[in-house]
Every structure is written in C-alpha cells, then in structure tokens.
C-alpha cells in the first residue's frame, strides 16, 4: 500500500476536489448562520411588539427563542472558523508537498530526508486532527441539548424585558390614526336625507290643510 493510500484510503480525492468540498461546506454553513442571525433579530423584535401589547409572557418566549438562535449562530460561526483553518492548512500542506517533491530532484539525500520526516509527521497530524474534530462534535451535541430556563437566564431575560420597555417608553405614544372613509361625502349624504325628510313633512302638512278646508 502506498503512502497516499495510508493517508487518504484506497480512492484518494484530488486536492482541488477536497478544497471545493470544504468551500461548499463553508458556504452552506455561512448561509445557515445568517439565517440564525436573522431569526434572532426577528424574535427580539417580536418580543418588543408583545411588550407594547402588554403580553409579557409571549415577550419572554420570543426572547428565549432569540437567545437560542444566537447560540446557534455562535456555534456555526465556530464551525466555519474551524473549516477555514483546515482549508488553509490543507492548501499549505499541498504547497509544501509540491515544493518538497521539487526538492527531491536535487538528490537522494533530500529524498531520504523527506521520507523520514514527511510521512510520520503528516500521519500523526491527521490522527490528531481526527481526535480534535471528534471532540468538537461531542461538544456540539452537548451544546445542542435544550435545557430549562434557570435562575441566571431568568434574570437575563427580565433585564432584557426591562430594556425593551425602556425603549418603548422613549418612543412615545403613536399618533392617532385618521378615521377611514370620506367625511365630506358622509356629511353630504346626511344633509340630503334631512332635506328629503323636510320635504316629506312639508308635503304631508299641505295635504292636511287641504282636507281641513274641505
């Protein structure tokens, strides 16, 4: 089995394919993190609206959701940072590998030195990174486990609710809305009805006088 088989398995991928795959994952995680950021902002805005309506219970619920989305955002930001770090390391490793292959042309001694140093160190690095990524995955699962709101979180939420109420108080009362409908046309219609009523009364009065004369 060749050295490449030891590192990458029976069917090693091309370096460009690996880099492209990592960049695709980074882009996907970036979109996901932006979505969490948007949701966190939306839930905080909802909490503010609920407070304006006097619904403190729903405001608390929205703020808790906002906190959860913010936690996801922080976690996915860390994911992206870890992948970007490894992407840079892979590109650097391949650059170093190509340079080392070029140096082997200088003589057998450099080739022997490359074999003694390169294979063992890279294999040790790959094993160590596998262990690190496994630890990160375990930590991610722990962080993703939902928990009840404790005393500290309750205190934080109460403080956030108070800050939102202060923001609402600073905004002042909303201007009264203009009543819908055409006021002028409504007045005109009422005037016409009064005129019709007057004519009916006048007509009935004239008829009554005529009967009395007879």
N, C-alpha and C. Protein backbone atom coordinates (compact mmCIF):
# COMPACT_ATOMS: atom_id res chain seq x y z
N UNK A 1 0.85 -1.19 0.00
CA UNK A 1 0.00 0.00 0.00
C UNK A 1 0.89 1.25 0.00
N UNK A 2 0.55 2.19 -0.83
CA UNK A 2 1.36 3.41 -0.95
C UNK A 2 1.06 4.36 0.21
N UNK A 3 1.93 5.38 0.31
CA UNK A 3 1.76 6.39 1.37
C UNK A 3 0.45 7.15 1.21
N UNK A 4 0.05 7.42 -0.03
CA UNK A 4 -1.23 8.10 -0.26
C UNK A 4 -2.40 7.25 0.20
N UNK A 5 -2.30 5.91 0.03
CA UNK A 5 -3.36 5.03 0.49
C UNK A 5 -3.51 5.08 2.00
N UNK A 6 -2.37 5.21 2.69
CA UNK A 6 -2.42 5.29 4.15
C UNK A 6 -3.13 6.56 4.58
N UNK A 7 -2.84 7.67 3.91
CA UNK A 7 -3.41 8.96 4.30
C UNK A 7 -4.86 9.10 3.89
N UNK A 8 -5.18 8.77 2.66
CA UNK A 8 -6.49 9.10 2.09
C UNK A 8 -7.35 7.89 1.74
N UNK A 9 -6.89 6.67 2.00
CA UNK A 9 -7.68 5.50 1.67
C UNK A 9 -7.39 4.99 0.26
N UNK A 10 -8.17 4.01 -0.17
CA UNK A 10 -7.94 3.36 -1.46
C UNK A 10 -8.19 4.30 -2.63
N UNK A 11 -9.18 5.19 -2.48
CA UNK A 11 -9.54 6.08 -3.59
C UNK A 11 -9.32 7.54 -3.17
N UNK A 12 -8.07 7.99 -3.18
CA UNK A 12 -7.80 9.37 -2.74
C UNK A 12 -8.44 10.39 -3.67
N UNK A 13 -9.02 11.43 -3.08
CA UNK A 13 -9.59 12.50 -3.86
C UNK A 13 -8.51 13.48 -4.30
N UNK A 14 -8.79 14.14 -5.39
CA UNK A 14 -7.89 15.19 -5.84
C UNK A 14 -7.94 16.36 -4.87
N UNK A 15 -6.80 17.04 -4.75
CA UNK A 15 -6.71 18.18 -3.82
C UNK A 15 -7.75 19.24 -4.16
N UNK A 16 -7.96 19.53 -5.43
CA UNK A 16 -8.95 20.54 -5.82
C UNK A 16 -10.35 20.12 -5.43
N UNK A 17 -10.65 18.81 -5.51
CA UNK A 17 -11.97 18.32 -5.10
C UNK A 17 -12.18 18.51 -3.60
N UNK A 18 -11.13 18.23 -2.83
CA UNK A 18 -11.23 18.40 -1.38
C UNK A 18 -11.45 19.86 -1.03
N UNK A 19 -10.69 20.74 -1.65
CA UNK A 19 -10.81 22.17 -1.38
C UNK A 19 -12.21 22.67 -1.77
N UNK A 20 -12.68 22.20 -2.95
CA UNK A 20 -14.01 22.62 -3.40
C UNK A 20 -15.09 22.13 -2.44
N UNK A 21 -14.94 20.91 -1.93
CA UNK A 21 -15.91 20.38 -0.99
C UNK A 21 -15.92 21.19 0.30
N UNK A 22 -14.73 21.53 0.80
CA UNK A 22 -14.64 22.33 2.02
C UNK A 22 -15.26 23.71 1.82
N UNK A 23 -14.98 24.33 0.69
CA UNK A 23 -15.56 25.65 0.42
C UNK A 23 -17.08 25.56 0.31
N UNK A 24 -17.58 24.47 -0.28
CA UNK A 24 -19.03 24.30 -0.36
C UNK A 24 -19.65 24.17 1.02
N UNK A 25 -18.98 23.45 1.92
CA UNK A 25 -19.49 23.33 3.29
C UNK A 25 -19.45 24.67 4.01
N UNK A 26 -18.39 25.42 3.79
CA UNK A 26 -18.26 26.74 4.42
C UNK A 26 -19.39 27.65 3.94
N UNK A 27 -19.67 27.64 2.64
CA UNK A 27 -20.75 28.48 2.10
C UNK A 27 -22.10 28.06 2.68
N UNK A 28 -22.32 26.75 2.79
CA UNK A 28 -23.59 26.27 3.33
C UNK A 28 -23.75 26.68 4.79
N UNK A 29 -22.69 26.53 5.56
CA UNK A 29 -22.75 26.92 6.97
C UNK A 29 -22.91 28.42 7.13
N UNK A 30 -22.31 29.19 6.21
CA UNK A 30 -22.44 30.65 6.27
C UNK A 30 -23.89 31.06 6.06
N UNK A 31 -24.57 30.44 5.08
CA UNK A 31 -25.97 30.73 4.84
C UNK A 31 -26.82 30.35 6.06
N UNK A 32 -26.49 29.20 6.65
CA UNK A 32 -27.25 28.77 7.84
C UNK A 32 -27.05 29.75 8.99
N UNK A 33 -25.81 30.21 9.20
CA UNK A 33 -25.55 31.15 10.29
C UNK A 33 -26.26 32.48 10.06
N UNK A 34 -26.32 32.93 8.80
CA UNK A 34 -27.04 34.17 8.50
C UNK A 34 -28.53 34.02 8.79
N UNK A 35 -29.05 32.83 8.52
CA UNK A 35 -30.47 32.58 8.79
C UNK A 35 -30.74 32.64 10.30
N UNK A 36 -29.83 32.04 11.09
CA UNK A 36 -29.99 32.11 12.54
C UNK A 36 -29.88 33.55 13.04
N UNK A 37 -28.99 34.31 12.44
CA UNK A 37 -28.84 35.71 12.85
C UNK A 37 -30.13 36.49 12.57
N UNK A 38 -30.71 36.25 11.37
CA UNK A 38 -31.96 36.93 11.01
C UNK A 38 -33.09 36.55 11.97
N UNK A 39 -33.18 35.26 12.30
CA UNK A 39 -34.24 34.81 13.19
C UNK A 39 -34.06 35.39 14.60
N UNK A 40 -32.81 35.49 15.06
CA UNK A 40 -32.56 36.06 16.38
C UNK A 40 -33.05 37.51 16.44
N UNK A 41 -32.78 38.27 15.37
CA UNK A 41 -33.21 39.68 15.32
C UNK A 41 -34.74 39.75 15.26
N UNK A 42 -35.36 38.88 14.46
CA UNK A 42 -36.81 38.89 14.32
C UNK A 42 -37.49 38.57 15.65
N UNK A 43 -36.98 37.58 16.38
CA UNK A 43 -37.61 37.20 17.64
C UNK A 43 -37.47 38.32 18.68
N UNK A 44 -36.34 39.03 18.67
CA UNK A 44 -36.20 40.14 19.60
C UNK A 44 -37.19 41.26 19.25
N UNK A 45 -37.40 41.48 17.95
CA UNK A 45 -38.37 42.48 17.52
C UNK A 45 -39.79 42.06 17.93
N UNK A 46 -40.10 40.76 17.84
CA UNK A 46 -41.40 40.27 18.27
C UNK A 46 -41.59 40.50 19.77
N UNK A 47 -40.54 40.25 20.54
CA UNK A 47 -40.63 40.47 21.98
C UNK A 47 -40.98 41.92 22.29
N UNK A 48 -40.41 42.82 21.54
CA UNK A 48 -40.69 44.24 21.74
C UNK A 48 -42.15 44.55 21.42
N UNK A 49 -42.66 43.96 20.34
CA UNK A 49 -44.07 44.19 19.96
C UNK A 49 -45.02 43.60 21.01
N UNK A 50 -44.67 42.42 21.53
CA UNK A 50 -45.51 41.81 22.55
C UNK A 50 -45.56 42.68 23.81
N UNK A 51 -44.43 43.28 24.15
CA UNK A 51 -44.43 44.16 25.30
C UNK A 51 -45.33 45.37 25.07
N UNK A 52 -45.33 45.91 23.85
CA UNK A 52 -46.21 47.02 23.53
C UNK A 52 -47.67 46.62 23.69
N UNK A 53 -47.96 45.36 23.43
CA UNK A 53 -49.33 44.85 23.55
C UNK A 53 -49.66 44.46 24.99
N UNK A 54 -48.66 44.50 25.86
CA UNK A 54 -48.88 44.12 27.26
C UNK A 54 -48.79 42.63 27.51
N UNK A 55 -48.28 41.88 26.53
CA UNK A 55 -48.17 40.42 26.67
C UNK A 55 -46.74 40.07 27.07
N UNK A 56 -46.47 40.11 28.34
CA UNK A 56 -45.11 39.86 28.84
C UNK A 56 -44.72 38.39 28.71
N UNK A 57 -45.69 37.49 28.80
CA UNK A 57 -45.40 36.07 28.67
C UNK A 57 -44.85 35.74 27.27
N UNK A 58 -45.53 36.22 26.23
CA UNK A 58 -45.06 35.96 24.86
C UNK A 58 -43.75 36.69 24.58
N UNK A 59 -43.55 37.85 25.20
CA UNK A 59 -42.29 38.56 25.03
C UNK A 59 -41.14 37.74 25.60
N UNK A 60 -41.37 37.10 26.75
CA UNK A 60 -40.35 36.23 27.34
C UNK A 60 -40.06 35.05 26.43
N UNK A 61 -41.10 34.46 25.87
CA UNK A 61 -40.94 33.32 24.97
C UNK A 61 -40.11 33.70 23.73
N UNK A 62 -40.41 34.87 23.15
CA UNK A 62 -39.68 35.31 21.96
C UNK A 62 -38.22 35.60 22.28
N UNK A 63 -37.97 36.16 23.45
CA UNK A 63 -36.58 36.44 23.83
C UNK A 63 -35.79 35.15 24.04
N UNK A 64 -36.44 34.13 24.58
CA UNK A 64 -35.76 32.83 24.74
C UNK A 64 -35.40 32.25 23.37
N UNK A 65 -36.34 32.34 22.42
CA UNK A 65 -36.05 31.86 21.06
C UNK A 65 -34.90 32.66 20.45
N UNK A 66 -34.89 33.96 20.68
CA UNK A 66 -33.81 34.79 20.16
C UNK A 66 -32.48 34.35 20.73
N UNK A 67 -32.44 34.03 22.02
CA UNK A 67 -31.21 33.56 22.64
C UNK A 67 -30.74 32.24 22.03
N UNK A 68 -31.68 31.33 21.78
CA UNK A 68 -31.31 30.03 21.19
C UNK A 68 -30.72 30.23 19.78
N UNK A 69 -31.37 31.09 18.98
CA UNK A 69 -30.84 31.34 17.65
C UNK A 69 -29.45 31.99 17.73
N UNK A 70 -29.25 32.83 18.73
CA UNK A 70 -27.94 33.46 18.89
C UNK A 70 -26.89 32.41 19.26
N UNK A 71 -27.28 31.43 20.08
CA UNK A 71 -26.34 30.35 20.42
C UNK A 71 -25.99 29.52 19.19
N UNK A 72 -27.00 29.23 18.36
CA UNK A 72 -26.72 28.50 17.11
C UNK A 72 -25.79 29.30 16.22
N UNK A 73 -26.03 30.61 16.15
CA UNK A 73 -25.18 31.47 15.34
C UNK A 73 -23.74 31.40 15.82
N UNK A 74 -23.52 31.44 17.13
CA UNK A 74 -22.16 31.37 17.67
C UNK A 74 -21.53 30.02 17.35
N UNK A 75 -22.32 28.94 17.46
CA UNK A 75 -21.78 27.61 17.18
C UNK A 75 -21.40 27.45 15.72
N UNK A 76 -22.28 27.91 14.83
CA UNK A 76 -21.98 27.77 13.40
C UNK A 76 -20.83 28.68 12.97
N UNK A 77 -20.69 29.81 13.63
CA UNK A 77 -19.54 30.66 13.36
C UNK A 77 -18.25 29.93 13.71
N UNK A 78 -18.28 29.18 14.81
CA UNK A 78 -17.10 28.39 15.20
C UNK A 78 -16.85 27.27 14.20
N UNK A 79 -17.94 26.64 13.70
CA UNK A 79 -17.77 25.60 12.67
C UNK A 79 -17.03 26.17 11.46
N UNK A 80 -17.52 27.34 11.01
CA UNK A 80 -16.92 27.95 9.82
C UNK A 80 -15.45 28.27 10.06
N UNK A 81 -15.15 28.79 11.23
CA UNK A 81 -13.76 29.13 11.53
C UNK A 81 -12.87 27.89 11.52
N UNK A 82 -13.37 26.78 12.09
CA UNK A 82 -12.59 25.55 12.11
C UNK A 82 -12.36 25.01 10.69
N UNK A 83 -13.40 25.06 9.86
CA UNK A 83 -13.24 24.57 8.49
C UNK A 83 -12.28 25.45 7.69
N UNK A 84 -12.40 26.76 7.86
CA UNK A 84 -11.50 27.67 7.15
C UNK A 84 -10.04 27.44 7.57
N UNK A 85 -9.84 27.18 8.86
CA UNK A 85 -8.49 26.92 9.34
C UNK A 85 -7.92 25.66 8.70
N UNK A 86 -8.76 24.63 8.60
CA UNK A 86 -8.29 23.39 7.98
C UNK A 86 -8.10 23.55 6.47
N UNK A 87 -8.94 24.35 5.85
CA UNK A 87 -8.78 24.60 4.42
C UNK A 87 -7.44 25.26 4.13
N UNK A 88 -7.10 26.25 4.93
CA UNK A 88 -5.81 26.92 4.76
C UNK A 88 -4.67 25.94 5.01
N UNK A 89 -4.85 25.08 6.05
CA UNK A 89 -3.80 24.11 6.36
C UNK A 89 -3.62 23.10 5.23
N UNK A 90 -4.74 22.68 4.62
CA UNK A 90 -4.64 21.72 3.51
C UNK A 90 -3.92 22.35 2.32
N UNK A 91 -4.31 23.58 1.98
CA UNK A 91 -3.65 24.26 0.86
C UNK A 91 -2.17 24.45 1.14
N UNK A 92 -1.87 24.81 2.38
CA UNK A 92 -0.45 24.98 2.74
C UNK A 92 0.29 23.65 2.68
N UNK A 93 -0.39 22.57 3.17
CA UNK A 93 0.25 21.26 3.16
C UNK A 93 0.56 20.80 1.73
N UNK A 94 -0.38 21.05 0.81
CA UNK A 94 -0.14 20.65 -0.58
C UNK A 94 0.94 21.50 -1.22
N UNK A 95 0.98 22.78 -0.89
CA UNK A 95 2.06 23.62 -1.41
C UNK A 95 3.41 23.13 -0.92
N UNK A 96 3.46 22.78 0.37
CA UNK A 96 4.71 22.27 0.93
C UNK A 96 5.09 20.95 0.28
N UNK A 97 4.05 20.10 0.06
CA UNK A 97 4.31 18.80 -0.56
C UNK A 97 4.89 18.97 -1.97
N UNK A 98 4.31 19.90 -2.74
CA UNK A 98 4.81 20.13 -4.09
C UNK A 98 6.24 20.68 -4.07
N UNK A 99 6.50 21.54 -3.12
CA UNK A 99 7.85 22.07 -3.01
C UNK A 99 8.84 20.97 -2.62
N UNK A 100 8.39 20.11 -1.71
CA UNK A 100 9.28 19.03 -1.30
C UNK A 100 9.56 18.06 -2.46
N UNK A 101 8.53 17.82 -3.27
CA UNK A 101 8.74 16.94 -4.43
C UNK A 101 9.73 17.57 -5.41
N UNK A 102 9.66 18.90 -5.52
CA UNK A 102 10.62 19.58 -6.39
C UNK A 102 12.03 19.47 -5.83
N UNK A 103 12.15 19.55 -4.52
CA UNK A 103 13.48 19.47 -3.90
C UNK A 103 14.10 18.08 -4.02
N UNK A 104 13.23 17.05 -4.15
CA UNK A 104 13.78 15.69 -4.27
C UNK A 104 14.65 15.53 -5.52
N UNK A 105 14.39 16.40 -6.51
CA UNK A 105 15.18 16.33 -7.74
C UNK A 105 16.64 16.73 -7.47
N UNK A 106 16.89 17.39 -6.36
CA UNK A 106 18.25 17.82 -6.04
C UNK A 106 19.15 16.67 -5.63
N UNK A 107 18.56 15.58 -5.15
CA UNK A 107 19.44 14.45 -4.79
C UNK A 107 18.77 13.45 -3.89
N UNK A 108 19.39 12.33 -3.77
CA UNK A 108 18.85 11.22 -3.00
C UNK A 108 18.81 11.54 -1.51
N UNK A 109 19.78 12.33 -1.02
CA UNK A 109 19.79 12.66 0.40
C UNK A 109 18.55 13.45 0.82
N UNK A 110 18.16 14.43 -0.02
CA UNK A 110 16.95 15.20 0.29
C UNK A 110 15.70 14.32 0.21
N UNK A 111 15.70 13.38 -0.73
CA UNK A 111 14.57 12.45 -0.84
C UNK A 111 14.45 11.59 0.40
N UNK A 112 15.60 11.08 0.89
CA UNK A 112 15.57 10.27 2.11
C UNK A 112 15.11 11.09 3.31
N UNK A 113 15.58 12.32 3.38
CA UNK A 113 15.17 13.20 4.48
C UNK A 113 13.66 13.45 4.42
N UNK A 114 13.13 13.65 3.22
CA UNK A 114 11.69 13.89 3.07
C UNK A 114 10.88 12.69 3.55
N UNK A 115 11.34 11.46 3.22
CA UNK A 115 10.62 10.27 3.63
C UNK A 115 10.64 10.10 5.15
N UNK A 116 11.79 10.39 5.79
CA UNK A 116 11.90 10.23 7.23
C UNK A 116 11.03 11.21 8.00
N UNK A 117 10.89 12.42 7.46
CA UNK A 117 10.15 13.46 8.19
C UNK A 117 8.69 13.53 7.76
N UNK A 118 8.46 13.52 6.48
CA UNK A 118 7.14 13.85 5.95
C UNK A 118 6.05 12.85 6.35
N UNK A 119 6.27 11.56 6.10
CA UNK A 119 5.20 10.58 6.28
C UNK A 119 4.76 10.49 7.73
N UNK A 120 5.70 10.39 8.64
CA UNK A 120 5.34 10.21 10.04
C UNK A 120 4.65 11.46 10.61
N UNK A 121 5.16 12.62 10.28
CA UNK A 121 4.58 13.85 10.82
C UNK A 121 3.18 14.10 10.28
N UNK A 122 2.98 13.89 8.98
CA UNK A 122 1.65 14.12 8.41
C UNK A 122 0.65 13.11 8.96
N UNK A 123 1.07 11.83 9.07
CA UNK A 123 0.17 10.83 9.62
C UNK A 123 -0.21 11.16 11.05
N UNK A 124 0.77 11.60 11.84
CA UNK A 124 0.50 12.00 13.23
C UNK A 124 -0.45 13.19 13.27
N UNK A 125 -0.26 14.16 12.35
CA UNK A 125 -1.12 15.33 12.29
C UNK A 125 -2.56 14.94 11.95
N UNK A 126 -2.73 14.03 10.98
CA UNK A 126 -4.07 13.62 10.58
C UNK A 126 -4.80 12.90 11.72
N UNK A 127 -4.10 12.04 12.44
CA UNK A 127 -4.71 11.33 13.58
C UNK A 127 -5.13 12.33 14.66
N UNK A 128 -4.25 13.29 14.92
CA UNK A 128 -4.54 14.30 15.94
C UNK A 128 -5.75 15.14 15.54
N UNK A 129 -5.86 15.50 14.26
CA UNK A 129 -7.00 16.29 13.80
C UNK A 129 -8.30 15.50 13.89
N UNK A 130 -8.23 14.21 13.61
CA UNK A 130 -9.43 13.37 13.73
C UNK A 130 -9.93 13.37 15.18
N UNK A 131 -9.00 13.28 16.12
CA UNK A 131 -9.38 13.31 17.53
C UNK A 131 -9.99 14.66 17.90
N UNK A 132 -9.38 15.75 17.39
CA UNK A 132 -9.89 17.09 17.69
C UNK A 132 -11.30 17.28 17.13
N UNK A 133 -11.52 16.85 15.89
CA UNK A 133 -12.85 17.01 15.28
C UNK A 133 -13.89 16.16 16.01
N UNK A 134 -13.46 14.99 16.51
CA UNK A 134 -14.38 14.16 17.29
C UNK A 134 -14.78 14.87 18.58
N UNK A 135 -13.82 15.50 19.24
CA UNK A 135 -14.11 16.26 20.46
C UNK A 135 -15.05 17.42 20.16
N UNK A 136 -14.83 18.11 19.03
CA UNK A 136 -15.71 19.22 18.66
C UNK A 136 -17.13 18.73 18.42
N UNK A 137 -17.28 17.59 17.77
CA UNK A 137 -18.61 17.04 17.51
C UNK A 137 -19.33 16.69 18.81
N UNK A 138 -18.59 16.12 19.77
CA UNK A 138 -19.19 15.80 21.07
C UNK A 138 -19.60 17.07 21.80
N UNK A 139 -18.76 18.10 21.74
CA UNK A 139 -19.10 19.37 22.38
C UNK A 139 -20.33 20.00 21.73
N UNK A 140 -20.44 19.87 20.39
CA UNK A 140 -21.59 20.41 19.68
C UNK A 140 -22.87 19.74 20.13
N UNK A 141 -22.85 18.43 20.32
CA UNK A 141 -24.03 17.71 20.76
C UNK A 141 -24.45 18.15 22.17
N UNK A 142 -23.46 18.38 23.02
CA UNK A 142 -23.76 18.84 24.38
C UNK A 142 -24.41 20.22 24.34
N UNK A 143 -23.85 21.11 23.53
CA UNK A 143 -24.38 22.47 23.43
C UNK A 143 -25.78 22.48 22.82
N UNK A 144 -26.07 21.51 21.94
CA UNK A 144 -27.36 21.48 21.26
C UNK A 144 -28.48 20.90 22.13
N UNK A 145 -28.13 20.37 23.29
CA UNK A 145 -29.15 19.79 24.17
C UNK A 145 -29.96 20.90 24.84
N UNK A 146 -31.29 20.95 24.64
CA UNK A 146 -32.10 22.03 25.25
C UNK A 146 -32.15 21.89 26.76
N UNK A 147 -32.31 22.99 27.43
CA UNK A 147 -32.38 22.98 28.88
C UNK A 147 -33.45 23.95 29.35
N UNK A 148 -33.90 23.73 30.59
CA UNK A 148 -34.90 24.62 31.16
C UNK A 148 -34.26 25.96 31.51
N UNK A 149 -35.09 26.99 31.60
CA UNK A 149 -34.58 28.32 31.93
C UNK A 149 -34.24 28.36 33.42
N UNK A 150 -32.98 28.56 33.73
CA UNK A 150 -32.53 28.63 35.10
C UNK A 150 -32.64 30.04 35.66
N UNK A 151 -32.18 30.17 36.91
CA UNK A 151 -32.29 31.45 37.59
C UNK A 151 -31.49 32.54 36.89
N UNK A 152 -30.29 32.17 36.42
CA UNK A 152 -29.45 33.17 35.75
C UNK A 152 -30.06 33.62 34.43
N UNK A 153 -30.58 32.64 33.64
CA UNK A 153 -31.21 33.01 32.37
C UNK A 153 -32.48 33.82 32.62
N UNK A 154 -33.25 33.45 33.68
CA UNK A 154 -34.45 34.21 34.00
C UNK A 154 -34.11 35.65 34.33
N UNK A 155 -33.01 35.83 35.08
CA UNK A 155 -32.57 37.19 35.43
C UNK A 155 -32.17 37.96 34.18
N UNK A 156 -31.46 37.28 33.25
CA UNK A 156 -31.06 37.94 32.00
C UNK A 156 -32.28 38.34 31.17
N UNK A 157 -33.27 37.44 31.09
CA UNK A 157 -34.48 37.73 30.32
C UNK A 157 -35.24 38.90 30.93
N UNK A 158 -35.34 38.92 32.26
CA UNK A 158 -36.02 40.03 32.93
C UNK A 158 -35.33 41.35 32.63
N UNK A 159 -33.98 41.32 32.66
CA UNK A 159 -33.24 42.53 32.34
C UNK A 159 -33.47 42.99 30.91
N UNK A 160 -33.54 42.02 29.98
CA UNK A 160 -33.79 42.36 28.58
C UNK A 160 -35.20 42.93 28.40
N UNK A 161 -36.18 42.35 29.12
CA UNK A 161 -37.54 42.87 29.06
C UNK A 161 -37.61 44.31 29.57
N UNK A 162 -36.88 44.58 30.64
CA UNK A 162 -36.87 45.95 31.18
C UNK A 162 -36.25 46.92 30.18
N UNK A 163 -35.18 46.48 29.50
CA UNK A 163 -34.56 47.36 28.50
C UNK A 163 -35.51 47.62 27.33
N UNK A 164 -36.25 46.59 26.91
CA UNK A 164 -37.22 46.78 25.83
C UNK A 164 -38.34 47.73 26.25
N UNK A 165 -38.79 47.61 27.50
CA UNK A 165 -39.83 48.52 27.98
C UNK A 165 -39.34 49.96 28.02
N UNK A 166 -38.05 50.12 28.38
CA UNK A 166 -37.48 51.46 28.38
C UNK A 166 -37.42 52.03 26.97
N UNK A 167 -37.08 51.19 25.99
CA UNK A 167 -37.04 51.64 24.59
C UNK A 167 -38.43 52.07 24.14
N UNK A 168 -39.46 51.29 24.55
CA UNK A 168 -40.83 51.62 24.16
C UNK A 168 -41.26 52.95 24.78
N UNK A 169 -40.88 53.17 26.04
CA UNK A 169 -41.23 54.41 26.71
C UNK A 169 -40.59 55.62 26.04
N UNK A 170 -39.36 55.44 25.55
CA UNK A 170 -38.67 56.53 24.87
C UNK A 170 -39.30 56.85 23.52
N UNK A 171 -39.92 55.84 22.91
CA UNK A 171 -40.51 56.07 21.59
C UNK A 171 -41.76 56.96 21.65
N UNK A 172 -42.42 56.99 22.82
CA UNK A 172 -43.62 57.82 22.96
C UNK A 172 -44.84 57.14 22.38
N UNK A 173 -45.96 57.82 22.56
CA UNK A 173 -47.22 57.30 22.05
C UNK A 173 -47.31 57.46 20.55
N UNK A 174 -47.97 56.52 19.87
CA UNK A 174 -48.16 56.63 18.43
C UNK A 174 -49.20 57.69 18.11
N UNK A 175 -49.06 58.36 17.00
CA UNK A 175 -50.03 59.36 16.57
C UNK A 175 -51.38 58.69 16.27
N UNK A 176 -52.50 59.35 16.65
CA UNK A 176 -53.82 58.73 16.37
C UNK A 176 -54.04 58.59 14.87
N UNK A 177 -54.65 57.47 14.50
CA UNK A 177 -54.89 57.21 13.08
C UNK A 177 -56.09 58.02 12.60
N UNK A 178 -56.04 58.46 11.36
CA UNK A 178 -57.15 59.19 10.75
C UNK A 178 -58.26 58.21 10.45
N UNK A 179 -59.52 58.50 10.86
CA UNK A 179 -60.62 57.57 10.58
C UNK A 179 -60.77 57.34 9.09
N UNK A 180 -61.09 56.09 8.77
CA UNK A 180 -61.26 55.76 7.36
C UNK A 180 -62.60 56.29 6.84
N UNK A 181 -62.70 56.47 5.55
CA UNK A 181 -63.95 56.91 4.92
C UNK A 181 -63.89 58.38 4.54
N UNK A 182 -64.76 58.77 3.66
CA UNK A 182 -64.82 60.15 3.17
C UNK A 182 -65.78 60.92 4.05
N UNK A 183 -65.22 61.77 4.97
CA UNK A 183 -66.06 62.52 5.91
C UNK A 183 -66.97 63.49 5.17
N UNK A 184 -66.45 64.14 4.15
CA UNK A 184 -67.23 65.14 3.40
C UNK A 184 -68.43 64.49 2.73
N UNK A 185 -68.19 63.32 2.13
CA UNK A 185 -69.28 62.65 1.45
C UNK A 185 -70.33 62.18 2.44
N UNK A 186 -69.88 61.74 3.66
CA UNK A 186 -70.83 61.31 4.68
C UNK A 186 -71.70 62.48 5.12
N UNK A 187 -71.10 63.67 5.30
CA UNK A 187 -71.86 64.85 5.68
C UNK A 187 -72.86 65.23 4.59
N UNK A 188 -72.42 65.16 3.34
CA UNK A 188 -73.31 65.48 2.22
C UNK A 188 -74.50 64.55 2.18
N UNK A 189 -74.27 63.26 2.41
CA UNK A 189 -75.35 62.28 2.39
C UNK A 189 -76.34 62.56 3.51
N UNK A 190 -75.84 62.92 4.70
CA UNK A 190 -76.71 63.23 5.83
C UNK A 190 -77.57 64.47 5.54
N UNK A 191 -76.98 65.50 4.90
CA UNK A 191 -77.73 66.71 4.56
C UNK A 191 -78.84 66.41 3.57
N UNK A 192 -78.57 65.54 2.61
CA UNK A 192 -79.58 65.17 1.63
C UNK A 192 -80.76 64.45 2.30
N UNK A 193 -80.44 63.57 3.26
CA UNK A 193 -81.51 62.85 3.95
C UNK A 193 -82.40 63.82 4.74
N UNK A 194 -81.75 64.83 5.38
CA UNK A 194 -82.53 65.83 6.13
C UNK A 194 -83.46 66.62 5.20
N UNK A 195 -82.97 66.99 4.05
CA UNK A 195 -83.78 67.73 3.08
C UNK A 195 -84.97 66.90 2.62
N UNK A 196 -84.75 65.62 2.35
CA UNK A 196 -85.84 64.72 1.94
C UNK A 196 -86.91 64.64 3.02
N UNK A 197 -86.42 64.53 4.30
CA UNK A 197 -87.36 64.44 5.41
C UNK A 197 -88.20 65.71 5.54
N UNK A 198 -87.56 66.88 5.34
CA UNK A 198 -88.27 68.15 5.38
C UNK A 198 -89.35 68.23 4.30
N UNK A 199 -88.98 67.77 3.10
CA UNK A 199 -89.96 67.82 2.00
C UNK A 199 -91.16 66.90 2.29
N UNK A 200 -90.88 65.72 2.86
CA UNK A 200 -91.97 64.81 3.19
C UNK A 200 -92.91 65.42 4.23
N UNK A 201 -92.29 66.04 5.26
CA UNK A 201 -93.10 66.67 6.31
C UNK A 201 -93.92 67.84 5.74
N UNK A 202 -93.28 68.62 4.87
CA UNK A 202 -93.96 69.77 4.27
C UNK A 202 -95.14 69.30 3.39
N UNK A 203 -94.90 68.24 2.66
CA UNK A 203 -95.94 67.70 1.78
C UNK A 203 -97.11 67.17 2.58
N UNK A 204 -96.83 66.46 3.66
CA UNK A 204 -97.92 65.90 4.48
C UNK A 204 -98.70 67.01 5.17
N UNK A 205 -97.99 68.12 5.55
CA UNK A 205 -98.66 69.25 6.18
C UNK A 205 -99.61 69.94 5.20
N UNK A 206 -99.22 70.10 3.97
CA UNK A 206 -100.06 70.75 2.95
C UNK A 206 -101.30 69.93 2.68
N UNK A 207 -101.15 68.60 2.62
CA UNK A 207 -102.30 67.72 2.37
C UNK A 207 -103.31 67.82 3.50
N UNK A 208 -102.82 67.94 4.74
CA UNK A 208 -103.70 68.01 5.90
C UNK A 208 -104.53 69.29 5.89
N UNK A 209 -103.86 70.43 5.52
CA UNK A 209 -104.57 71.73 5.45
C UNK A 209 -105.65 71.68 4.38
N UNK A 210 -105.38 71.04 3.25
CA UNK A 210 -106.37 70.96 2.17
C UNK A 210 -107.60 70.22 2.62
N UNK A 211 -107.42 69.14 3.37
CA UNK A 211 -108.55 68.35 3.86
C UNK A 211 -109.39 69.15 4.85
N UNK A 212 -108.72 69.96 5.70
CA UNK A 212 -109.44 70.75 6.71
C UNK A 212 -110.32 71.81 6.02
N UNK A 213 -109.83 72.41 4.93
CA UNK A 213 -110.61 73.43 4.19
C UNK A 213 -111.85 72.81 3.61
N UNK A 214 -111.75 71.59 3.12
CA UNK A 214 -112.91 70.93 2.55
C UNK A 214 -113.94 70.60 3.62
